[in-house]
Amino acid sequence: MGRQRKSAVGEIISGVIMISIPFFISGGGHWVGMHVGLSLWKWILVVMGTGSLIRGGTRLLDQWRRMRLSRPDSKQRKLNMENRILRVAQRAGGQVSVAKAALQIDASIAETETMLSSLASRGHANVEISSEGQVLYIFPDSLDRDKLDI
């Protein structure tokens, strides 16, 4: 089996430990120890520790960047939600309630209500009250007159 790669944090911890050892061995924990009687093996530890710190820091930064890029962009998320709501409305014959839409698109009621209100305010849907008093969003483009509950 191949050598396992250390995690970014493990690499940083290793670097700190390697750099720290010569300080504590040479000078009892004082910075002076690095200058007085510092042998070759201590310098090697410092150089290796510095390399480990740099590798770990670079990997940690790369992981952070990848995580940031993998998050859905808010504009993209809004577009995806709008498309899912429109598909739900089309399947439902052109009318949806907030609760039914939220359940079908797997979003919170508040988030779904905000999106439906936004679509209505931009003229893509009409808001009406059903005979039972339920708020319905009617999408004229997807309207199926046989399924209306008004």
C-alpha atoms as a PDB file:
ATOM      1  CA  MET A   1       0.000   0.000   0.000  1.00  0.00           C
ATOM      2  CA  GLY A   2       1.070   3.542  -0.667  1.00  0.00           C
ATOM      3  CA  ARG A   3       1.895   6.104   1.916  1.00  0.00           C
ATOM      4  CA  GLN A   4      -1.171   7.841   3.320  1.00  0.00           C
ATOM      5  CA  ARG A   5      -1.300  11.604   2.877  1.00  0.00           C
ATOM      6  CA  LYS A   6      -1.702  13.715   5.984  1.00  0.00           C
ATOM      7  CA  SER A   7      -4.632  16.032   6.357  1.00  0.00           C
ATOM      8  CA  ALA A   8      -3.964  19.730   5.982  1.00  0.00           C
ATOM      9  CA  VAL A   9      -4.347  20.312   9.718  1.00  0.00           C
ATOM     10  CA  GLY A  10      -2.128  17.309  10.486  1.00  0.00           C
ATOM     11  CA  GLU A  11       0.523  18.739   8.178  1.00  0.00           C
ATOM     12  CA  ILE A  12       0.371  22.104   9.976  1.00  0.00           C
ATOM     13  CA  ILE A  13       0.598  20.458  13.410  1.00  0.00           C
ATOM     14  CA  SER A  14       3.583  18.385  12.268  1.00  0.00           C
ATOM     15  CA  GLY A  15       5.280  21.532  11.002  1.00  0.00           C
ATOM     16  CA  VAL A  16       4.758  23.376  14.272  1.00  0.00           C
ATOM     17  CA  ILE A  17       6.116  20.434  16.257  1.00  0.00           C
ATOM     18  CA  MET A  18       9.189  20.054  14.006  1.00  0.00           C
ATOM     19  CA  ILE A  19       9.966  23.755  14.234  1.00  0.00           C
ATOM     20  CA  SER A  20       9.429  23.800  18.018  1.00  0.00           C
ATOM     21  CA  ILE A  21      11.716  20.901  18.915  1.00  0.00           C
ATOM     22  CA  PRO A  22      15.048  22.713  18.288  1.00  0.00           C
ATOM     23  CA  PHE A  23      13.922  25.700  20.368  1.00  0.00           C
ATOM     24  CA  PHE A  24      13.155  23.584  23.395  1.00  0.00           C
ATOM     25  CA  ILE A  25      16.164  21.276  23.106  1.00  0.00           C
ATOM     26  CA  SER A  26      18.777  23.973  22.444  1.00  0.00           C
ATOM     27  CA  GLY A  27      17.708  26.749  24.700  1.00  0.00           C
ATOM     28  CA  GLY A  28      15.258  25.416  27.183  1.00  0.00           C
ATOM     29  CA  GLY A  29      12.402  27.050  25.325  1.00  0.00           C
ATOM     30  CA  HIS A  30      14.187  30.355  24.675  1.00  0.00           C
ATOM     31  CA  TRP A  31      14.694  31.860  21.222  1.00  0.00           C
ATOM     32  CA  VAL A  32      18.392  32.197  22.019  1.00  0.00           C
ATOM     33  CA  GLY A  33      18.684  28.436  21.658  1.00  0.00           C
ATOM     34  CA  MET A  34      18.376  28.692  17.896  1.00  0.00           C
ATOM     35  CA  HIS A  35      21.541  30.759  17.634  1.00  0.00           C
ATOM     36  CA  VAL A  36      23.703  29.076  20.232  1.00  0.00           C
ATOM     37  CA  GLY A  37      25.006  25.658  19.343  1.00  0.00           C
ATOM     38  CA  LEU A  38      22.450  24.867  16.688  1.00  0.00           C
ATOM     39  CA  SER A  39      23.538  21.676  14.966  1.00  0.00           C
ATOM     40  CA  LEU A  40      22.696  20.513  11.470  1.00  0.00           C
ATOM     41  CA  TRP A  41      19.879  18.148  12.519  1.00  0.00           C
ATOM     42  CA  LYS A  42      18.084  21.025  14.244  1.00  0.00           C
ATOM     43  CA  TRP A  43      18.235  23.146  11.099  1.00  0.00           C
ATOM     44  CA  ILE A  44      16.938  20.194   9.106  1.00  0.00           C
ATOM     45  CA  LEU A  45      13.952  19.947  11.487  1.00  0.00           C
ATOM     46  CA  VAL A  46      13.263  23.674  11.092  1.00  0.00           C
ATOM     47  CA  VAL A  47      13.410  23.457   7.285  1.00  0.00           C
ATOM     48  CA  MET A  48      11.231  20.331   7.194  1.00  0.00           C
ATOM     49  CA  GLY A  49       8.788  21.911   9.627  1.00  0.00           C
ATOM     50  CA  THR A  50       8.584  25.059   7.527  1.00  0.00           C
ATOM     51  CA  GLY A  51       7.901  22.976   4.421  1.00  0.00           C
ATOM     52  CA  SER A  52       5.226  21.058   6.284  1.00  0.00           C
ATOM     53  CA  LEU A  53       3.610  24.301   7.457  1.00  0.00           C
ATOM     54  CA  ILE A  54       3.578  25.696   3.932  1.00  0.00           C
ATOM     55  CA  ARG A  55       2.139  22.462   2.452  1.00  0.00           C
ATOM     56  CA  GLY A  56      -0.522  22.257   5.146  1.00  0.00           C
ATOM     57  CA  GLY A  57      -1.464  25.911   4.775  1.00  0.00           C
ATOM     58  CA  THR A  58      -1.679  25.603   1.000  1.00  0.00           C
ATOM     59  CA  ARG A  59      -3.839  22.483   1.230  1.00  0.00           C
ATOM     60  CA  LEU A  60      -6.095  24.107   3.811  1.00  0.00           C
ATOM     61  CA  LEU A  61      -6.512  27.131   1.545  1.00  0.00           C
ATOM     62  CA  ASP A  62      -7.284  24.874  -1.444  1.00  0.00           C
ATOM     63  CA  GLN A  63      -9.894  22.971   0.573  1.00  0.00           C
ATOM     64  CA  TRP A  64     -11.498  26.245   1.638  1.00  0.00           C
ATOM     65  CA  ARG A  65     -11.602  27.495  -1.977  1.00  0.00           C
ATOM     66  CA  ARG A  66     -13.117  24.231  -3.234  1.00  0.00           C
ATOM     67  CA  MET A  67     -15.741  24.340  -0.496  1.00  0.00           C
ATOM     68  CA  ARG A  68     -16.603  27.936  -1.387  1.00  0.00           C
ATOM     69  CA  LEU A  69     -16.889  27.123  -5.080  1.00  0.00           C
ATOM     70  CA  SER A  70     -19.037  24.043  -4.453  1.00  0.00           C
ATOM     71  CA  ARG A  71     -21.676  26.050  -2.597  1.00  0.00           C
ATOM     72  CA  PRO A  72     -24.561  26.909  -4.849  1.00  0.00           C
ATOM     73  CA  ASP A  73     -24.459  30.505  -5.938  1.00  0.00           C
ATOM     74  CA  SER A  74     -27.461  32.425  -4.584  1.00  0.00           C
ATOM     75  CA  LYS A  75     -28.525  33.451  -8.115  1.00  0.00           C
ATOM     76  CA  GLN A  76     -28.222  29.873  -9.308  1.00  0.00           C
ATOM     77  CA  ARG A  77     -30.170  28.623  -6.274  1.00  0.00           C
ATOM     78  CA  LYS A  78     -32.931  31.169  -6.934  1.00  0.00           C
ATOM     79  CA  LEU A  79     -33.130  30.095 -10.575  1.00  0.00           C
ATOM     80  CA  ASN A  80     -33.283  26.417  -9.580  1.00  0.00           C
ATOM     81  CA  MET A  81     -36.082  27.129  -7.088  1.00  0.00           C
ATOM     82  CA  GLU A  82     -38.051  29.111  -9.650  1.00  0.00           C
ATOM     83  CA  ASN A  83     -37.759  26.281 -12.163  1.00  0.00           C
ATOM     84  CA  ARG A  84     -38.828  23.682  -9.605  1.00  0.00           C
ATOM     85  CA  ILE A  85     -41.831  25.804  -8.572  1.00  0.00           C
ATOM     86  CA  LEU A  86     -42.867  26.256 -12.214  1.00  0.00           C
ATOM     87  CA  ARG A  87     -42.655  22.490 -12.781  1.00  0.00           C
ATOM     88  CA  VAL A  88     -44.772  21.880  -9.669  1.00  0.00           C
ATOM     89  CA  ALA A  89     -47.338  24.420 -10.892  1.00  0.00           C
ATOM     90  CA  GLN A  90     -47.444  22.797 -14.298  1.00  0.00           C
ATOM     91  CA  ARG A  91     -48.020  19.319 -12.807  1.00  0.00           C
ATOM     92  CA  ALA A  92     -50.728  20.752 -10.529  1.00  0.00           C
ATOM     93  CA  GLY A  93     -52.685  22.273 -13.397  1.00  0.00           C
ATOM     94  CA  GLY A  94     -51.436  25.828 -12.876  1.00  0.00           C
ATOM     95  CA  GLN A  95     -52.293  26.382  -9.224  1.00  0.00           C
ATOM     96  CA  VAL A  96     -50.218  25.749  -6.102  1.00  0.00           C
ATOM     97  CA  SER A  97     -50.338  26.569  -2.432  1.00  0.00           C
ATOM     98  CA  VAL A  98     -47.234  27.492  -0.485  1.00  0.00           C
ATOM     99  CA  ALA A  99     -47.303  24.336   1.633  1.00  0.00           C
ATOM    100  CA  LYS A 100     -47.749  21.948  -1.312  1.00  0.00           C
ATOM    101  CA  ALA A 101     -45.031  23.668  -3.330  1.00  0.00           C
ATOM    102  CA  ALA A 102     -42.622  23.669  -0.355  1.00  0.00           C
ATOM    103  CA  LEU A 103     -43.199  19.969   0.179  1.00  0.00           C
ATOM    104  CA  GLN A 104     -42.619  19.108  -3.469  1.00  0.00           C
ATOM    105  CA  ILE A 105     -39.498  21.233  -3.985  1.00  0.00           C
ATOM    106  CA  ASP A 106     -38.015  20.281  -0.610  1.00  0.00           C
ATOM    107  CA  ALA A 107     -37.648  23.843   0.692  1.00  0.00           C
ATOM    108  CA  SER A 108     -38.846  25.706   3.758  1.00  0.00           C
ATOM    109  CA  ILE A 109     -42.296  27.293   3.741  1.00  0.00           C
ATOM    110  CA  ALA A 110     -40.793  30.742   4.282  1.00  0.00           C
ATOM    111  CA  GLU A 111     -38.368  30.319   1.385  1.00  0.00           C
ATOM    112  CA  THR A 112     -41.103  28.970  -0.904  1.00  0.00           C
ATOM    113  CA  GLU A 113     -43.514  31.742   0.056  1.00  0.00           C
ATOM    114  CA  THR A 114     -40.868  34.368  -0.695  1.00  0.00           C
ATOM    115  CA  MET A 115     -40.207  32.806  -4.100  1.00  0.00           C
ATOM    116  CA  LEU A 116     -43.915  32.514  -4.966  1.00  0.00           C
ATOM    117  CA  SER A 117     -44.518  36.133  -3.897  1.00  0.00           C
ATOM    118  CA  SER A 118     -41.586  37.212  -6.038  1.00  0.00           C
ATOM    119  CA  LEU A 119     -42.983  35.373  -9.056  1.00  0.00           C
ATOM    120  CA  ALA A 120     -46.402  36.940  -8.457  1.00  0.00           C
ATOM    121  CA  SER A 121     -44.992  40.458  -8.063  1.00  0.00           C
ATOM    122  CA  ARG A 122     -43.190  40.080 -11.395  1.00  0.00           C
ATOM    123  CA  GLY A 123     -46.410  39.077 -13.139  1.00  0.00           C
ATOM    124  CA  HIS A 124     -45.732  35.363 -13.555  1.00  0.00           C
ATOM    125  CA  ALA A 125     -48.504  34.297 -11.169  1.00  0.00           C
ATOM    126  CA  ASN A 126     -51.735  35.621  -9.698  1.00  0.00           C
ATOM    127  CA  VAL A 127     -52.653  35.319  -6.045  1.00  0.00           C
ATOM    128  CA  GLU A 128     -56.194  34.146  -5.329  1.00  0.00           C
ATOM    129  CA  ILE A 129     -58.103  32.773  -2.360  1.00  0.00           C
ATOM    130  CA  SER A 130     -59.794  29.368  -2.710  1.00  0.00           C
ATOM    131  CA  SER A 131     -63.331  28.655  -1.515  1.00  0.00           C
ATOM    132  CA  GLU A 132     -61.750  27.159   1.668  1.00  0.00           C
ATOM    133  CA  GLY A 133     -59.740  30.332   2.313  1.00  0.00           C
ATOM    134  CA  GLN A 134     -56.414  28.944   1.150  1.00  0.00           C
ATOM    135  CA  VAL A 135     -53.977  31.268  -0.634  1.00  0.00           C
ATOM    136  CA  LEU A 136     -53.283  29.907  -4.110  1.00  0.00           C
ATOM    137  CA  TYR A 137     -50.797  31.026  -6.695  1.00  0.00           C
ATOM    138  CA  ILE A 138     -52.241  30.690 -10.191  1.00  0.00           C
ATOM    139  CA  PHE A 139     -49.809  30.386 -13.106  1.00  0.00           C
ATOM    140  CA  PRO A 140     -51.718  31.328 -16.283  1.00  0.00           C
ATOM    141  CA  ASP A 141     -49.133  29.695 -18.568  1.00  0.00           C
ATOM    142  CA  SER A 142     -49.688  26.330 -16.881  1.00  0.00           C
ATOM    143  CA  LEU A 143     -53.394  26.701 -16.271  1.00  0.00           C
ATOM    144  CA  ASP A 144     -55.546  23.607 -16.624  1.00  0.00           C
ATOM    145  CA  ARG A 145     -59.134  24.814 -16.308  1.00  0.00           C
ATOM    146  CA  ASP A 146     -60.382  21.340 -15.297  1.00  0.00           C
ATOM    147  CA  LYS A 147     -58.228  21.267 -12.121  1.00  0.00           C
ATOM    148  CA  LEU A 148     -59.041  24.734 -10.762  1.00  0.00           C
ATOM    149  CA  ASP A 149     -60.294  24.871  -7.188  1.00  0.00           C
ATOM    150  CA  ILE A 150     -61.690  28.420  -7.183  1.00  0.00           C
END
